[in-house]
PDB file of N, CA and C in Angstrom:
ATOM      1  N   MET A   1     -57.996  89.907   4.065  1.00  0.00           N
ATOM      2  CA  MET A   1     -57.983  88.987   5.178  1.00  0.00           C
ATOM      3  C   MET A   1     -56.899  89.453   6.150  1.00  0.00           C
ATOM      4  N   GLU A   2     -57.165  89.322   7.411  1.00  0.00           N
ATOM      5  CA  GLU A   2     -56.234  89.812   8.419  1.00  0.00           C
ATOM      6  C   GLU A   2     -55.194  88.759   8.766  1.00  0.00           C
ATOM      7  N   MET A   3     -54.320  89.092   9.718  1.00  0.00           N
ATOM      8  CA  MET A   3     -53.144  88.269  10.007  1.00  0.00           C
ATOM      9  C   MET A   3     -53.495  86.919  10.649  1.00  0.00           C
ATOM     10  N   ILE A   4     -54.354  86.907  11.643  1.00  0.00           N
ATOM     11  CA  ILE A   4     -54.631  85.669  12.383  1.00  0.00           C
ATOM     12  C   ILE A   4     -55.256  84.594  11.484  1.00  0.00           C
ATOM     13  N   PRO A   5     -56.299  84.897  10.702  1.00  0.00           N
ATOM     14  CA  PRO A   5     -56.832  83.856   9.816  1.00  0.00           C
ATOM     15  C   PRO A   5     -55.821  83.416   8.751  1.00  0.00           C
ATOM     16  N   THR A   6     -54.997  84.359   8.294  1.00  0.00           N
ATOM     17  CA  THR A   6     -53.998  84.010   7.286  1.00  0.00           C
ATOM     18  C   THR A   6     -52.956  83.059   7.863  1.00  0.00           C
ATOM     19  N   LEU A   7     -52.526  83.311   9.091  1.00  0.00           N
ATOM     20  CA  LEU A   7     -51.565  82.405   9.727  1.00  0.00           C
ATOM     21  C   LEU A   7     -52.172  81.018   9.940  1.00  0.00           C
ATOM     22  N   GLY A   8     -53.437  80.980  10.339  1.00  0.00           N
ATOM     23  CA  GLY A   8     -54.102  79.689  10.527  1.00  0.00           C
ATOM     24  C   GLY A   8     -54.231  78.909   9.228  1.00  0.00           C
ATOM     25  N   LEU A   9     -54.628  79.604   8.165  1.00  0.00           N
ATOM     26  CA  LEU A   9     -54.743  78.927   6.868  1.00  0.00           C
ATOM     27  C   LEU A   9     -53.387  78.487   6.334  1.00  0.00           C
ATOM     28  N   THR A  10     -52.349  79.270   6.604  1.00  0.00           N
ATOM     29  CA  THR A  10     -51.010  78.887   6.171  1.00  0.00           C
ATOM     30  C   THR A  10     -50.551  77.623   6.892  1.00  0.00           C
ATOM     31  N   ALA A  11     -50.781  77.564   8.186  1.00  0.00           N
ATOM     32  CA  ALA A  11     -50.415  76.369   8.945  1.00  0.00           C
ATOM     33  C   ALA A  11     -51.219  75.158   8.478  1.00  0.00           C
ATOM     34  N   LEU A  12     -52.498  75.376   8.211  1.00  0.00           N
ATOM     35  CA  LEU A  12     -53.353  74.283   7.747  1.00  0.00           C
ATOM     36  C   LEU A  12     -52.913  73.771   6.379  1.00  0.00           C
ATOM     37  N   SER A  13     -52.600  74.687   5.467  1.00  0.00           N
ATOM     38  CA  SER A  13     -52.186  74.250   4.133  1.00  0.00           C
ATOM     39  C   SER A  13     -50.798  73.610   4.165  1.00  0.00           C
ATOM     40  N   ALA A  14     -49.919  74.061   5.060  1.00  0.00           N
ATOM     41  CA  ALA A  14     -48.609  73.426   5.191  1.00  0.00           C
ATOM     42  C   ALA A  14     -48.750  72.006   5.752  1.00  0.00           C
ATOM     43  N   ALA A  15     -49.655  71.827   6.710  1.00  0.00           N
ATOM     44  CA  ALA A  15     -49.895  70.488   7.250  1.00  0.00           C
ATOM     45  C   ALA A  15     -50.526  69.583   6.190  1.00  0.00           C
ATOM     46  N   PHE A  16     -51.437  70.136   5.389  1.00  0.00           N
ATOM     47  CA  PHE A  16     -52.049  69.370   4.303  1.00  0.00           C
ATOM     48  C   PHE A  16     -50.991  68.953   3.283  1.00  0.00           C
ATOM     49  N   THR A  17     -50.068  69.868   2.960  1.00  0.00           N
ATOM     50  CA  THR A  17     -48.993  69.562   2.026  1.00  0.00           C
ATOM     51  C   THR A  17     -48.105  68.449   2.564  1.00  0.00           C
ATOM     52  N   ALA A  18     -47.748  68.532   3.839  1.00  0.00           N
ATOM     53  CA  ALA A  18     -46.905  67.497   4.442  1.00  0.00           C
ATOM     54  C   ALA A  18     -47.615  66.139   4.461  1.00  0.00           C
ATOM     55  N   PHE A  19     -48.908  66.141   4.786  1.00  0.00           N
ATOM     56  CA  PHE A  19     -49.667  64.889   4.803  1.00  0.00           C
ATOM     57  C   PHE A  19     -49.737  64.264   3.411  1.00  0.00           C
ATOM     58  N   CYS A  20     -50.010  65.087   2.405  1.00  0.00           N
ATOM     59  CA  CYS A  20     -50.097  64.573   1.038  1.00  0.00           C
ATOM     60  C   CYS A  20     -48.733  64.092   0.545  1.00  0.00           C
ATOM     61  N   GLY A  21     -47.670  64.779   0.950  1.00  0.00           N
ATOM     62  CA  GLY A  21     -46.335  64.323   0.593  1.00  0.00           C
ATOM     63  C   GLY A  21     -45.998  62.981   1.221  1.00  0.00           C
ATOM     64  N   TRP A  22     -46.426  62.796   2.467  1.00  0.00           N
ATOM     65  CA  TRP A  22     -46.195  61.514   3.139  1.00  0.00           C
ATOM     66  C   TRP A  22     -46.993  60.390   2.470  1.00  0.00           C
ATOM     67  N   ARG A  23     -48.252  60.673   2.153  1.00  0.00           N
ATOM     68  CA  ARG A  23     -49.085  59.650   1.506  1.00  0.00           C
ATOM     69  C   ARG A  23     -48.609  59.334   0.092  1.00  0.00           C
ATOM     70  N   GLY A  24     -48.132  60.343  -0.629  1.00  0.00           N
ATOM     71  CA  GLY A  24     -47.671  60.135  -1.992  1.00  0.00           C
ATOM     72  C   GLY A  24     -46.345  59.403  -2.070  1.00  0.00           C
ATOM     73  N   ALA A  25     -45.552  59.470  -1.006  1.00  0.00           N
ATOM     74  CA  ALA A  25     -44.241  58.826  -0.996  1.00  0.00           C
ATOM     75  C   ALA A  25     -44.299  57.360  -0.575  1.00  0.00           C
ATOM     76  N   ARG A  26     -45.436  56.915  -0.086  1.00  0.00           N
ATOM     77  CA  ARG A  26     -45.552  55.514   0.326  1.00  0.00           C
ATOM     78  C   ARG A  26     -45.553  54.605  -0.897  1.00  0.00           C
ATOM     79  N   PRO A  27     -44.936  53.446  -0.790  1.00  0.00           N
ATOM     80  CA  PRO A  27     -44.937  52.533  -1.937  1.00  0.00           C
ATOM     81  C   PRO A  27     -46.347  52.002  -2.208  1.00  0.00           C
ATOM     82  N   PRO A  28     -46.658  51.730  -3.456  1.00  0.00           N
ATOM     83  CA  PRO A  28     -48.006  51.232  -3.774  1.00  0.00           C
ATOM     84  C   PRO A  28     -48.223  49.824  -3.231  1.00  0.00           C
ATOM     85  N   ASP A  29     -49.432  49.583  -2.783  1.00  0.00           N
ATOM     86  CA  ASP A  29     -49.826  48.257  -2.298  1.00  0.00           C
ATOM     87  C   ASP A  29     -50.832  47.695  -3.296  1.00  0.00           C
ATOM     88  N   PHE A  30     -50.360  46.788  -4.138  1.00  0.00           N
ATOM     89  CA  PHE A  30     -51.199  46.272  -5.215  1.00  0.00           C
ATOM     90  C   PHE A  30     -52.303  45.353  -4.718  1.00  0.00           C
ATOM     91  N   SER A  31     -52.184  44.838  -3.511  1.00  0.00           N
ATOM     92  CA  SER A  31     -53.246  43.983  -2.985  1.00  0.00           C
ATOM     93  C   SER A  31     -54.495  44.804  -2.621  1.00  0.00           C
ATOM     94  N   LYS A  32     -54.323  46.091  -2.333  1.00  0.00           N
ATOM     95  CA  LYS A  32     -55.462  46.956  -2.010  1.00  0.00           C
ATOM     96  C   LYS A  32     -56.070  47.597  -3.243  1.00  0.00           C
ATOM     97  N   GLY A  33     -55.401  47.493  -4.375  1.00  0.00           N
ATOM     98  CA  GLY A  33     -55.913  48.092  -5.598  1.00  0.00           C
ATOM     99  C   GLY A  33     -55.252  49.434  -5.863  1.00  0.00           C
ATOM    100  N   PRO A  34     -55.740  50.149  -6.859  1.00  0.00           N
ATOM    101  CA  PRO A  34     -55.121  51.430  -7.209  1.00  0.00           C
ATOM    102  C   PRO A  34     -55.428  52.519  -6.185  1.00  0.00           C
ATOM    103  N   ARG A  35     -54.564  53.511  -6.145  1.00  0.00           N
ATOM    104  CA  ARG A  35     -54.816  54.676  -5.289  1.00  0.00           C
ATOM    105  C   ARG A  35     -55.929  55.501  -5.918  1.00  0.00           C
ATOM    106  N   LEU A  36     -56.842  55.939  -5.101  1.00  0.00           N
ATOM    107  CA  LEU A  36     -57.966  56.705  -5.624  1.00  0.00           C
ATOM    108  C   LEU A  36     -57.778  58.206  -5.453  1.00  0.00           C
ATOM    109  N   ALA A  37     -56.763  58.608  -4.701  1.00  0.00           N
ATOM    110  CA  ALA A  37     -56.492  60.037  -4.529  1.00  0.00           C
ATOM    111  C   ALA A  37     -55.143  60.360  -5.175  1.00  0.00           C
ATOM    112  N   PRO A  38     -55.072  61.400  -5.968  1.00  0.00           N
ATOM    113  CA  PRO A  38     -53.798  61.787  -6.591  1.00  0.00           C
ATOM    114  C   PRO A  38     -52.954  62.587  -5.586  1.00  0.00           C
ATOM    115  N   TRP A  39     -52.246  61.889  -4.696  1.00  0.00           N
ATOM    116  CA  TRP A  39     -51.577  62.525  -3.576  1.00  0.00           C
ATOM    117  C   TRP A  39     -50.517  63.525  -4.008  1.00  0.00           C
ATOM    118  N   ARG A  40     -49.767  63.227  -5.052  1.00  0.00           N
ATOM    119  CA  ARG A  40     -48.711  64.152  -5.479  1.00  0.00           C
ATOM    120  C   ARG A  40     -49.301  65.437  -6.048  1.00  0.00           C
ATOM    121  N   PHE A  41     -50.375  65.337  -6.805  1.00  0.00           N
ATOM    122  CA  PHE A  41     -51.030  66.531  -7.333  1.00  0.00           C
ATOM    123  C   PHE A  41     -51.628  67.363  -6.200  1.00  0.00           C
ATOM    124  N   LEU A  42     -52.234  66.710  -5.215  1.00  0.00           N
ATOM    125  CA  LEU A  42     -52.776  67.427  -4.063  1.00  0.00           C
ATOM    126  C   LEU A  42     -51.659  68.101  -3.273  1.00  0.00           C
ATOM    127  N   MET A  43     -50.491  67.469  -3.206  1.00  0.00           N
ATOM    128  CA  MET A  43     -49.355  68.072  -2.528  1.00  0.00           C
ATOM    129  C   MET A  43     -48.920  69.352  -3.244  1.00  0.00           C
ATOM    130  N   VAL A  44     -48.901  69.325  -4.574  1.00  0.00           N
ATOM    131  CA  VAL A  44     -48.522  70.517  -5.343  1.00  0.00           C
ATOM    132  C   VAL A  44     -49.550  71.625  -5.125  1.00  0.00           C
ATOM    133  N   LEU A  45     -50.825  71.292  -5.100  1.00  0.00           N
ATOM    134  CA  LEU A  45     -51.855  72.305  -4.834  1.00  0.00           C
ATOM    135  C   LEU A  45     -51.701  72.907  -3.437  1.00  0.00           C
ATOM    136  N   GLY A  46     -51.420  72.058  -2.457  1.00  0.00           N
ATOM    137  CA  GLY A  46     -51.216  72.557  -1.097  1.00  0.00           C
ATOM    138  C   GLY A  46     -49.984  73.437  -0.981  1.00  0.00           C
ATOM    139  N   ALA A  47     -48.912  73.069  -1.679  1.00  0.00           N
ATOM    140  CA  ALA A  47     -47.698  73.890  -1.655  1.00  0.00           C
ATOM    141  C   ALA A  47     -47.938  75.234  -2.330  1.00  0.00           C
ATOM    142  N   THR A  48     -48.731  75.240  -3.393  1.00  0.00           N
ATOM    143  CA  THR A  48     -49.063  76.500  -4.062  1.00  0.00           C
ATOM    144  C   THR A  48     -49.875  77.408  -3.136  1.00  0.00           C
ATOM    145  N   ALA A  49     -50.837  76.835  -2.447  1.00  0.00           N
ATOM    146  CA  ALA A  49     -51.635  77.621  -1.505  1.00  0.00           C
ATOM    147  C   ALA A  49     -50.765  78.154  -0.368  1.00  0.00           C
ATOM    148  N   THR A  50     -49.831  77.337   0.116  1.00  0.00           N
ATOM    149  CA  THR A  50     -48.926  77.782   1.175  1.00  0.00           C
ATOM    150  C   THR A  50     -48.055  78.936   0.700  1.00  0.00           C
ATOM    151  N   LEU A  51     -47.561  78.848  -0.521  1.00  0.00           N
ATOM    152  CA  LEU A  51     -46.732  79.918  -1.071  1.00  0.00           C
ATOM    153  C   LEU A  51     -47.522  81.215  -1.226  1.00  0.00           C
ATOM    154  N   ILE A  52     -48.731  81.120  -1.743  1.00  0.00           N
ATOM    155  CA  ILE A  52     -49.564  82.317  -1.919  1.00  0.00           C
ATOM    156  C   ILE A  52     -49.890  82.946  -0.567  1.00  0.00           C
ATOM    157  N   LEU A  53     -50.212  82.128   0.419  1.00  0.00           N
ATOM    158  CA  LEU A  53     -50.518  82.659   1.744  1.00  0.00           C
ATOM    159  C   LEU A  53     -49.279  83.260   2.404  1.00  0.00           C
ATOM    160  N   THR A  54     -48.110  82.689   2.165  1.00  0.00           N
ATOM    161  CA  THR A  54     -46.876  83.253   2.710  1.00  0.00           C
ATOM    162  C   THR A  54     -46.601  84.622   2.109  1.00  0.00           C
ATOM    163  N   VAL A  55     -46.815  84.773   0.817  1.00  0.00           N
ATOM    164  CA  VAL A  55     -46.648  86.074   0.178  1.00  0.00           C
ATOM    165  C   VAL A  55     -47.667  87.068   0.739  1.00  0.00           C
ATOM    166  N   HIS A  56     -48.867  86.616   1.001  1.00  0.00           N
ATOM    167  CA  HIS A  56     -49.891  87.491   1.588  1.00  0.00           C
ATOM    168  C   HIS A  56     -49.473  87.939   2.986  1.00  0.00           C
ATOM    169  N   ILE A  57     -48.892  87.041   3.767  1.00  0.00           N
ATOM    170  CA  ILE A  57     -48.409  87.415   5.103  1.00  0.00           C
ATOM    171  C   ILE A  57     -47.305  88.460   4.990  1.00  0.00           C
ATOM    172  N   LEU A  58     -46.394  88.250   4.051  1.00  0.00           N
ATOM    173  CA  LEU A  58     -45.329  89.235   3.857  1.00  0.00           C
ATOM    174  C   LEU A  58     -45.899  90.594   3.458  1.00  0.00           C
ATOM    175  N   ASN A  59     -46.938  90.607   2.641  1.00  0.00           N
ATOM    176  CA  ASN A  59     -47.578  91.872   2.270  1.00  0.00           C
ATOM    177  C   ASN A  59     -48.271  92.523   3.466  1.00  0.00           C
ATOM    178  N   LEU A  60     -48.842  91.726   4.328  1.00  0.00           N
ATOM    179  CA  LEU A  60     -49.489  92.284   5.522  1.00  0.00           C
ATOM    180  C   LEU A  60     -48.466  92.891   6.473  1.00  0.00           C
ATOM    181  N   VAL A  61     -47.286  92.308   6.522  1.00  0.00           N
ATOM    182  CA  VAL A  61     -46.223  92.827   7.391  1.00  0.00           C
ATOM    183  C   VAL A  61     -45.657  94.130   6.847  1.00  0.00           C
ATOM    184  N   GLY A  62     -45.706  94.277   5.525  1.00  0.00           N
ATOM    185  CA  GLY A  62     -45.226  95.512   4.926  1.00  0.00           C
ATOM    186  C   GLY A  62     -44.131  95.338   3.907  1.00  0.00           C
ATOM    187  N   VAL A  63     -43.797  94.104   3.572  1.00  0.00           N
ATOM    188  CA  VAL A  63     -42.773  93.834   2.580  1.00  0.00           C
ATOM    189  C   VAL A  63     -43.417  93.924   1.194  1.00  0.00           C
ATOM    190  N   ALA A  64     -42.820  94.699   0.316  1.00  0.00           N
ATOM    191  CA  ALA A  64     -43.337  94.832  -1.044  1.00  0.00           C
ATOM    192  C   ALA A  64     -42.854  93.649  -1.872  1.00  0.00           C
ATOM    193  N   THR A  65     -43.777  92.808  -2.324  1.00  0.00           N
ATOM    194  CA  THR A  65     -43.394  91.624  -3.085  1.00  0.00           C
ATOM    195  C   THR A  65     -43.699  91.749  -4.565  1.00  0.00           C
ATOM    196  N   GLY A  66     -44.455  92.745  -4.965  1.00  0.00           N
ATOM    197  CA  GLY A  66     -44.807  92.919  -6.363  1.00  0.00           C
ATOM    198  C   GLY A  66     -43.992  94.030  -7.009  1.00  0.00           C
ATOM    199  N   ARG A  67     -44.394  94.370  -8.188  1.00  0.00           N
ATOM    200  CA  ARG A  67     -43.741  95.470  -8.886  1.00  0.00           C
ATOM    201  C   ARG A  67     -44.105  96.792  -8.241  1.00  0.00           C
ATOM    202  N   THR A  68     -43.188  97.720  -8.250  1.00  0.00           N
ATOM    203  CA  THR A  68     -43.460  99.025  -7.634  1.00  0.00           C
ATOM    204  C   THR A  68     -43.591 100.105  -8.671  1.00  0.00           C
TER     205      THR A  68
END
């Protein structure tokens, strides 16, 4: 994957992570019932995707991130 789509996906996954973190940090409202989305788990998945995409960007730039 090239640089432009990778940057777009990184920004998208970072925004998704921030949104899930905001939703997961809100106090529960028992009058509405239980939460149906596992916001904290989705936040961890989004952060993992952001980290992987960041490493991919560094590899595209030329930084060696793996074993040599």
